[in-house]
Protein backbone atom coordinates (compact mmCIF):
# COMPACT_ATOMS: atom_id res chain seq x y z
CA MET A 1 4.05 -17.83 -33.44
CA SER A 2 2.63 -15.17 -31.15
CA ARG A 3 -0.88 -16.01 -29.97
CA ILE A 4 -1.86 -12.35 -29.99
CA GLY A 5 0.13 -11.34 -33.07
CA LYS A 6 -1.37 -13.95 -35.38
CA LEU A 7 -4.96 -12.82 -34.77
CA PRO A 8 -6.34 -10.61 -37.56
CA ILE A 9 -7.90 -7.24 -36.73
CA GLU A 10 -11.29 -6.51 -38.28
CA ILE A 11 -11.67 -3.01 -39.73
CA PRO A 12 -15.09 -1.63 -38.70
CA LYS A 13 -17.26 0.49 -41.00
CA GLY A 14 -16.28 4.15 -41.02
CA VAL A 15 -12.60 3.40 -40.31
CA GLU A 16 -9.96 4.00 -42.95
CA VAL A 17 -6.54 2.34 -42.68
CA LYS A 18 -3.58 3.45 -44.82
CA ILE A 19 -0.12 1.90 -44.93
CA ASN A 20 2.62 4.24 -46.12
CA ASN A 21 6.09 2.62 -45.96
CA ASP A 22 6.57 2.05 -42.21
CA ILE A 23 3.66 4.19 -40.91
CA VAL A 24 0.12 2.88 -40.43
CA THR A 25 -2.50 5.65 -40.23
CA ILE A 26 -5.93 4.85 -38.83
CA LYS A 27 -8.70 7.39 -39.37
CA GLY A 28 -12.15 7.12 -37.79
CA PRO A 29 -15.11 9.15 -36.61
CA LEU A 30 -13.31 10.42 -33.47
CA GLY A 31 -9.95 11.28 -35.03
CA GLN A 32 -6.75 9.95 -36.52
CA LEU A 33 -3.84 7.98 -35.03
CA SER A 34 -0.56 6.81 -36.54
CA GLN A 35 1.79 3.99 -35.60
CA LYS A 36 5.37 3.48 -36.76
CA ILE A 37 6.05 -0.13 -37.70
CA PRO A 38 9.51 -1.68 -37.07
CA THR A 39 11.38 -2.96 -40.14
CA ASP A 40 11.07 -6.64 -39.14
CA ILE A 41 7.26 -6.47 -38.89
CA GLN A 42 4.98 -6.42 -41.93
CA VAL A 43 1.38 -5.14 -41.91
CA LYS A 44 -1.06 -6.15 -44.67
CA ILE A 45 -4.70 -5.36 -45.38
CA GLU A 46 -6.68 -8.29 -46.84
CA ASN A 47 -10.49 -8.65 -47.07
CA ASN A 48 -11.21 -5.84 -44.58
CA LEU A 49 -8.75 -7.41 -42.09
CA ILE A 50 -5.39 -6.16 -40.86
CA LYS A 51 -2.78 -8.91 -40.60
CA VAL A 52 0.49 -8.44 -38.74
CA GLU A 53 3.35 -10.76 -39.73
CA ARG A 54 6.99 -10.97 -38.81
CA LYS A 55 9.82 -11.37 -41.30
CA ASN A 56 12.14 -13.46 -39.10
CA ASP A 57 12.19 -15.38 -35.82
CA LEU A 58 14.59 -13.25 -33.80
CA LYS A 59 13.70 -12.79 -30.14
CA GLN A 60 13.21 -9.02 -30.57
CA THR A 61 10.92 -9.53 -33.57
CA LYS A 62 8.83 -12.09 -31.72
CA ALA A 63 8.40 -9.62 -28.87
CA LEU A 64 7.31 -6.84 -31.24
CA HIS A 65 4.84 -9.04 -33.15
CA GLY A 66 2.12 -9.12 -30.49
CA LEU A 67 2.88 -5.57 -29.36
CA ILE A 68 2.31 -4.01 -32.78
CA ARG A 69 -0.91 -5.98 -33.25
CA SER A 70 -2.19 -4.80 -29.85
CA LEU A 71 -1.27 -1.18 -30.56
CA LEU A 72 -3.11 -1.25 -33.89
CA LYS A 73 -6.18 -2.83 -32.25
CA ASN A 74 -6.11 -0.14 -29.53
CA HIS A 75 -5.91 2.58 -32.20
CA ILE A 76 -8.95 1.16 -34.00
CA ILE A 77 -10.96 1.05 -30.76
CA GLY A 78 -9.78 4.58 -29.94
CA VAL A 79 -10.91 6.17 -33.23
CA THR A 80 -14.30 4.40 -33.10
CA THR A 81 -15.41 4.45 -29.44
CA GLY A 82 -12.57 6.14 -27.53
CA TRP A 83 -10.95 5.25 -24.21
CA THR A 84 -12.11 6.21 -20.71
CA LYS A 85 -10.44 6.19 -17.29
CA LYS A 86 -12.38 7.08 -14.16
CA LEU A 87 -10.78 8.45 -11.00
CA GLN A 88 -12.33 8.97 -7.59
CA LEU A 89 -11.26 11.39 -4.85
CA VAL A 90 -11.65 9.98 -1.34
CA GLY A 91 -11.10 12.19 1.68
CA VAL A 92 -12.69 15.01 3.64
CA GLY A 93 -12.46 18.23 1.63
CA PHE A 94 -11.01 16.55 -1.45
CA ARG A 95 -12.66 17.91 -4.58
CA ALA A 96 -12.05 18.63 -8.23
CA ASN A 97 -13.24 21.40 -10.55
CA LEU A 98 -12.72 21.96 -14.25
CA LYS A 99 -11.79 25.46 -15.42
CA GLY A 100 -11.35 25.47 -19.18
CA ASN A 101 -8.64 22.91 -19.92
CA THR A 102 -7.27 22.96 -16.36
CA LEU A 103 -8.24 20.53 -13.62
CA VAL A 104 -8.19 22.28 -10.21
CA LEU A 105 -7.76 19.77 -7.38
CA SER A 106 -8.14 20.40 -3.64
CA LEU A 107 -6.23 17.53 -2.06
CA GLY A 108 -5.64 18.64 1.52
CA PHE A 109 -2.48 20.59 0.70
CA SER A 110 -2.08 24.24 1.67
CA HIS A 111 -2.76 25.15 -1.97
CA ASP A 112 -4.87 23.91 -4.85
CA VAL A 113 -3.15 21.79 -7.49
CA ASN A 114 -3.68 22.97 -11.09
CA PHE A 115 -3.26 20.23 -13.68
CA ASP A 116 -3.24 21.28 -17.34
CA LEU A 117 -4.80 18.57 -19.51
CA PRO A 118 -3.27 17.70 -22.90
CA SER A 119 -5.28 18.91 -25.89
CA ASP A 120 -6.39 15.41 -26.92
CA VAL A 121 -7.61 14.29 -23.45
CA LYS A 122 -10.95 15.61 -22.19
CA ALA A 123 -12.12 15.56 -18.59
CA LYS A 124 -15.53 15.61 -16.95
CA VAL A 125 -16.09 16.13 -13.22
CA ASP A 126 -19.17 14.69 -11.45
CA GLN A 127 -20.16 15.62 -7.88
CA GLN A 128 -16.70 17.21 -7.34
CA VAL A 129 -15.20 13.81 -6.44
CA LYS A 130 -15.40 11.80 -9.69
CA ILE A 131 -13.17 12.55 -12.67
CA GLU A 132 -13.73 10.92 -16.06
CA LEU A 133 -10.90 11.21 -18.59
CA THR A 134 -11.60 10.40 -22.25
CA GLY A 135 -9.53 10.39 -25.42
CA ILE A 136 -8.68 8.38 -28.52
CA ASP A 137 -5.13 7.37 -27.52
CA LYS A 138 -5.21 4.66 -24.84
CA GLN A 139 -1.63 5.27 -23.79
CA LYS A 140 -2.09 9.00 -23.32
CA VAL A 141 -5.37 8.65 -21.38
CA GLY A 142 -3.77 6.08 -19.08
CA GLN A 143 -0.66 8.21 -18.58
CA VAL A 144 -2.69 11.32 -17.68
CA ALA A 145 -4.78 9.25 -15.23
CA ALA A 146 -1.59 7.85 -13.64
CA VAL A 147 -0.06 11.33 -13.27
CA ILE A 148 -3.24 12.69 -11.64
CA ARG A 149 -3.40 9.65 -9.32
CA GLY A 150 0.27 10.21 -8.45
CA LEU A 151 -0.52 13.67 -7.06
CA LYS A 152 -2.07 12.04 -3.98
CA PRO A 153 -2.02 8.21 -4.14
CA PRO A 154 -4.37 6.40 -1.75
CA GLU A 155 -2.85 5.69 1.62
CA PRO A 156 -3.36 2.27 3.27
CA TYR A 157 -4.71 3.35 6.68
CA LYS A 158 -7.83 5.38 5.87
CA GLY A 159 -7.82 5.00 2.08
CA LYS A 160 -7.67 8.77 1.45
CA GLY A 161 -6.32 9.95 -1.88
CA ILE A 162 -7.01 9.64 -5.60
CA ARG A 163 -7.81 6.14 -6.83
CA TYR A 164 -9.08 4.49 -9.97
CA GLU A 165 -12.80 3.78 -9.79
CA ASP A 166 -12.38 -0.01 -9.77
CA GLU A 167 -9.25 -0.05 -7.58
CA GLU A 168 -9.37 -1.78 -4.21
CA ILE A 169 -7.09 -0.48 -1.49
CA ILE A 170 -5.66 -3.07 0.89
CA ARG A 171 -6.14 -1.52 4.31
CA LYS A 172 -3.69 -1.82 7.19
CA ALA A 173 -4.58 -1.83 10.85
CA GLY A 174 -3.55 1.32 12.67
CA LYS A 175 -1.70 1.52 15.95
CA THR A 176 -3.48 0.06 18.92
CA GLY A 177 -3.17 1.73 22.26
CA LYS A 178 -1.86 -0.15 25.29
CA GLY A 179 -4.15 -0.48 28.24
CA LYS A 180 -3.90 1.97 31.11
């Protein structure tokens, strides 16, 4: 049995969970998320707990058991507290501004990079070098953060670029000059 999949998920106050055929809908104070459930996985609500069970022991079903439980747990956290990813711009002249729903990034290119944010991901810019992305869908917030980071990933020599706030860059030694 999956160690993750067998753990029940507690439903917090203010969260409403509905199971309709193969769709689980989770509604909370911050919004609503839905998850499609595969046919070999069964989701039950008992005593304010969500239990995820599998119908057979096929390899594919075992793999999906823990995944579905994790996705449902992430949805519950998302609709109650939300998810946050923080990015940091490192480099001379690197800065970010927010204009409406567009993130304008100056990354040392000959032009500014305009990044349109999805409607369900919000951004906040502090001191022109710190970007905080928030939303209720963990996957979407992480994907948007990864795409923004991919615009100018940190380089290993001086560490310039866009990095996650808690990311450590392994630095390389540069070229050393020969004597005279």
